[in-house]
Amino acid sequence: MGRSDWRPFVYGGVSACIAEFGTFPIDTTKTRLQIQGSRIDGELVATRYRGMLHALLRISTEEGIRALYCGIAPAVLRQATYGTIKFGIYYTLKKFVCPPGQETLPRNVACAVTAGVISSTIANPTDVLKVRLQSGRGKAGQSVLDAFLTIYRQEGVKGLWRGVGQTAQRAGVIVGVELPMYDWCKLYFISNGLPDAASTHF
């Protein structure tokens, strides 16, 4: 591997963590909207929100701004693992299956889907923790470690990988579109005269 091959790993993980901080309140409201009206552990979750904006305002008013960031620690941990592994596997696989100058869209999509499935499977426990804390079903002030141990004691190892099949499928689809499209757009802009610089990547 070349001297700069570590950069996609680190940049991917760091950028994913920063993006998570900025968008986490939206993710929290999405989770609350998804679970309302459902049964969790045999208990019906009341329908309290009429939409995204209403949920955002009601959570921040009744529970405080901190409630919008409940579960941020496992979310950042997830991005630190999922984001780093995703980029790392994708670019490593591409080197094996795509000789220089011979990249094709089907090959890139196959590498991206594989990277998404593997990385999301590895990071699934952090996703479970994030959703549990976001939903407001955990104990007040419960730490990530406490939540982890509670799930492990009550549900075993299987509890930490609950929903892994659906999570992996979702990640495979998202990453299978995201990374090949990013590469295609980057190569298109560079081939049309733009420099291979940070501005082009943005």
Protein backbone atom coordinates (compact mmCIF):
# COMPACT_ATOMS: atom_id res chain seq x y z
CA MET A 1 0.00 0.00 0.00
CA GLY A 2 1.19 3.51 -0.74
CA ARG A 3 2.23 6.07 1.79
CA SER A 4 -1.05 7.99 1.58
CA ASP A 5 -3.37 4.95 1.58
CA TRP A 6 -4.28 5.53 5.23
CA ARG A 7 -5.96 8.83 4.40
CA PRO A 8 -9.31 7.49 3.14
CA PHE A 9 -9.62 5.46 6.36
CA VAL A 10 -8.99 8.43 8.66
CA TYR A 11 -10.76 11.07 6.59
CA GLY A 12 -13.80 8.83 6.17
CA GLY A 13 -14.09 8.18 9.90
CA VAL A 14 -13.50 11.79 10.95
CA SER A 15 -15.92 13.26 8.41
CA ALA A 16 -18.60 10.73 9.41
CA CYS A 17 -18.24 11.67 13.09
CA ILE A 18 -18.50 15.40 12.34
CA ALA A 19 -21.57 14.86 10.16
CA GLU A 20 -23.17 12.78 12.94
CA PHE A 21 -22.89 15.68 15.40
CA GLY A 22 -24.57 18.05 12.98
CA THR A 23 -27.47 15.82 11.98
CA PHE A 24 -28.11 13.88 15.20
CA PRO A 25 -31.18 15.89 16.39
CA ILE A 26 -32.87 15.04 13.09
CA ASP A 27 -31.99 11.38 13.58
CA THR A 28 -33.44 11.46 17.10
CA THR A 29 -36.75 12.89 15.91
CA LYS A 30 -36.84 10.31 13.11
CA THR A 31 -36.39 7.50 15.64
CA ARG A 32 -39.12 8.87 17.92
CA LEU A 33 -41.51 9.15 14.97
CA GLN A 34 -40.71 5.62 13.82
CA ILE A 35 -41.38 3.94 17.16
CA GLN A 36 -44.50 5.85 18.28
CA GLY A 37 -47.59 3.69 18.14
CA SER A 38 -45.48 0.51 18.27
CA ARG A 39 -44.99 -2.01 21.04
CA ILE A 40 -41.53 -2.16 22.61
CA ASP A 41 -40.91 -4.85 25.21
CA GLY A 42 -44.68 -5.39 25.39
CA GLU A 43 -45.45 -1.75 26.12
CA LEU A 44 -47.26 0.53 23.70
CA VAL A 45 -45.37 3.71 22.81
CA ALA A 46 -47.80 6.63 22.81
CA THR A 47 -48.34 8.64 19.63
CA ARG A 48 -47.17 12.13 20.61
CA TYR A 49 -45.73 13.76 17.49
CA ARG A 50 -47.43 15.03 14.34
CA GLY A 51 -44.30 15.39 12.26
CA MET A 52 -40.58 16.10 12.22
CA LEU A 53 -40.77 19.77 13.24
CA HIS A 54 -43.40 19.12 15.91
CA ALA A 55 -41.27 16.29 17.36
CA LEU A 56 -38.15 18.46 17.33
CA LEU A 57 -39.88 21.31 19.17
CA ARG A 58 -41.73 19.11 21.65
CA ILE A 59 -38.67 17.05 22.60
CA SER A 60 -36.53 20.16 23.10
CA THR A 61 -39.28 21.93 25.09
CA GLU A 62 -40.36 19.06 27.34
CA GLU A 63 -37.09 17.17 27.72
CA GLY A 64 -34.48 19.80 26.97
CA ILE A 65 -31.97 20.24 24.18
CA ARG A 66 -29.82 17.46 25.65
CA ALA A 67 -32.56 14.94 24.85
CA LEU A 68 -32.00 15.59 21.15
CA TYR A 69 -28.43 14.37 21.63
CA CYS A 70 -29.30 11.38 23.82
CA GLY A 71 -27.38 8.48 22.26
CA ILE A 72 -24.74 10.66 20.60
CA ALA A 73 -21.85 8.72 22.18
CA PRO A 74 -22.69 5.33 20.59
CA ALA A 75 -23.63 7.16 17.37
CA VAL A 76 -20.17 8.73 17.13
CA LEU A 77 -18.59 5.42 18.10
CA ARG A 78 -20.60 3.79 15.33
CA GLN A 79 -19.40 6.30 12.78
CA ALA A 80 -15.82 5.94 14.00
CA THR A 81 -16.03 2.20 13.31
CA TYR A 82 -18.57 2.02 10.48
CA GLY A 83 -17.24 5.02 8.57
CA THR A 84 -13.60 4.00 8.86
CA ILE A 85 -14.20 0.34 8.02
CA LYS A 86 -16.55 1.23 5.15
CA PHE A 87 -14.03 3.42 3.37
CA GLY A 88 -11.14 1.11 4.21
CA ILE A 89 -12.78 -2.02 2.82
CA TYR A 90 -14.11 -0.23 -0.26
CA TYR A 91 -10.79 1.22 -1.39
CA THR A 92 -8.88 -1.94 -0.46
CA LEU A 93 -11.26 -4.14 -2.48
CA LYS A 94 -11.04 -1.77 -5.44
CA LYS A 95 -7.27 -2.25 -5.56
CA PHE A 96 -7.76 -6.01 -5.83
CA VAL A 97 -10.56 -6.11 -8.40
CA CYS A 98 -9.96 -2.91 -10.38
CA PRO A 99 -6.51 -2.51 -11.99
CA PRO A 100 -5.40 1.14 -12.35
CA GLY A 101 -7.37 2.86 -15.09
CA GLN A 102 -9.82 -0.05 -15.45
CA GLU A 103 -12.52 0.85 -12.94
CA THR A 104 -16.06 0.01 -13.98
CA LEU A 105 -19.34 0.95 -12.34
CA PRO A 106 -20.44 -2.68 -11.69
CA ARG A 107 -17.12 -3.47 -9.98
CA ASN A 108 -17.28 -0.34 -7.87
CA VAL A 109 -20.87 -1.08 -6.87
CA ALA A 110 -19.94 -4.65 -5.88
CA CYS A 111 -17.04 -3.37 -3.74
CA ALA A 112 -19.26 -0.72 -2.14
CA VAL A 113 -22.10 -3.13 -1.31
CA THR A 114 -19.60 -5.54 0.26
CA ALA A 115 -18.03 -2.72 2.28
CA GLY A 116 -21.42 -1.51 3.48
CA VAL A 117 -22.62 -4.95 4.57
CA ILE A 118 -19.40 -5.85 6.42
CA SER A 119 -18.94 -2.49 8.15
CA SER A 120 -22.57 -2.22 9.28
CA THR A 121 -22.50 -5.78 10.62
CA ILE A 122 -19.40 -5.05 12.70
CA ALA A 123 -20.84 -1.76 13.99
CA ASN A 124 -24.35 -3.09 14.71
CA PRO A 125 -24.01 -3.13 18.54
CA THR A 126 -23.36 0.63 18.54
CA ASP A 127 -26.42 1.13 16.34
CA VAL A 128 -28.57 -0.85 18.80
CA LEU A 129 -27.26 1.27 21.69
CA LYS A 130 -27.93 4.49 19.77
CA VAL A 131 -31.55 3.60 19.03
CA ARG A 132 -32.23 2.42 22.59
CA LEU A 133 -30.95 5.70 24.05
CA GLN A 134 -32.62 7.85 21.38
CA SER A 135 -36.00 6.25 21.95
CA GLY A 136 -36.04 7.43 25.56
CA ARG A 137 -36.63 3.89 26.79
CA GLY A 138 -33.43 3.68 28.83
CA LYS A 139 -32.86 4.86 32.37
CA ALA A 140 -32.26 8.57 32.88
CA GLY A 141 -28.57 9.37 32.86
CA GLN A 142 -27.65 5.87 31.72
CA SER A 143 -24.16 5.69 30.26
CA VAL A 144 -23.19 3.85 27.11
CA LEU A 145 -21.43 1.18 29.16
CA ASP A 146 -24.48 0.73 31.41
CA ALA A 147 -26.76 0.42 28.38
CA PHE A 148 -24.38 -2.08 26.78
CA LEU A 149 -24.24 -4.23 29.92
CA THR A 150 -28.02 -4.07 30.38
CA ILE A 151 -28.65 -5.36 26.87
CA TYR A 152 -25.98 -8.04 27.26
CA ARG A 153 -27.34 -9.28 30.59
CA GLN A 154 -30.99 -9.27 29.55
CA GLU A 155 -30.72 -10.37 25.92
CA GLY A 156 -27.25 -11.84 25.52
CA VAL A 157 -24.92 -11.35 22.58
CA LYS A 158 -27.84 -11.75 20.16
CA GLY A 159 -29.43 -8.61 21.59
CA LEU A 160 -26.46 -6.53 20.45
CA TRP A 161 -26.90 -7.78 16.89
CA ARG A 162 -30.68 -7.41 16.82
CA GLY A 163 -31.83 -6.23 13.40
CA VAL A 164 -28.40 -6.82 11.85
CA GLY A 165 -29.91 -8.33 8.70
CA GLN A 166 -32.04 -5.29 7.93
CA THR A 167 -29.24 -2.91 8.92
CA ALA A 168 -26.77 -4.67 6.62
CA GLN A 169 -29.22 -4.66 3.71
CA ARG A 170 -29.88 -0.95 4.17
CA ALA A 171 -26.16 -0.16 4.37
CA GLY A 172 -25.46 -2.26 1.28
CA VAL A 173 -27.97 -0.25 -0.75
CA ILE A 174 -26.86 3.15 0.58
CA VAL A 175 -23.12 2.54 0.26
CA GLY A 176 -23.64 0.79 -3.08
CA VAL A 177 -24.96 4.08 -4.45
CA GLU A 178 -23.00 6.58 -2.34
CA LEU A 179 -19.37 5.62 -2.92
CA PRO A 180 -19.50 4.66 -6.63
CA MET A 181 -21.38 7.89 -7.39
CA TYR A 182 -18.82 9.87 -5.41
CA ASP A 183 -15.98 8.26 -7.38
CA TRP A 184 -17.77 8.76 -10.69
CA CYS A 185 -18.43 12.46 -10.00
CA LYS A 186 -14.87 13.01 -8.80
CA LEU A 187 -13.35 11.40 -11.91
CA TYR A 188 -15.77 13.32 -14.14
CA PHE A 189 -14.78 16.69 -12.67
CA ILE A 190 -11.06 15.88 -12.75
CA SER A 191 -11.26 14.70 -16.37
CA ASN A 192 -12.91 18.02 -17.23
CA GLY A 193 -10.05 20.10 -15.90
CA LEU A 194 -10.66 20.49 -12.17
CA PRO A 195 -7.69 19.71 -9.89
CA ASP A 196 -7.63 16.66 -7.65
CA ALA A 197 -7.94 18.90 -4.58
CA ALA A 198 -10.18 19.29 -1.54
CA SER A 199 -12.47 21.70 -3.40
CA THR A 200 -13.20 19.05 -6.02
CA HIS A 201 -13.92 16.41 -3.39
CA PHE A 202 -16.48 18.72 -1.76
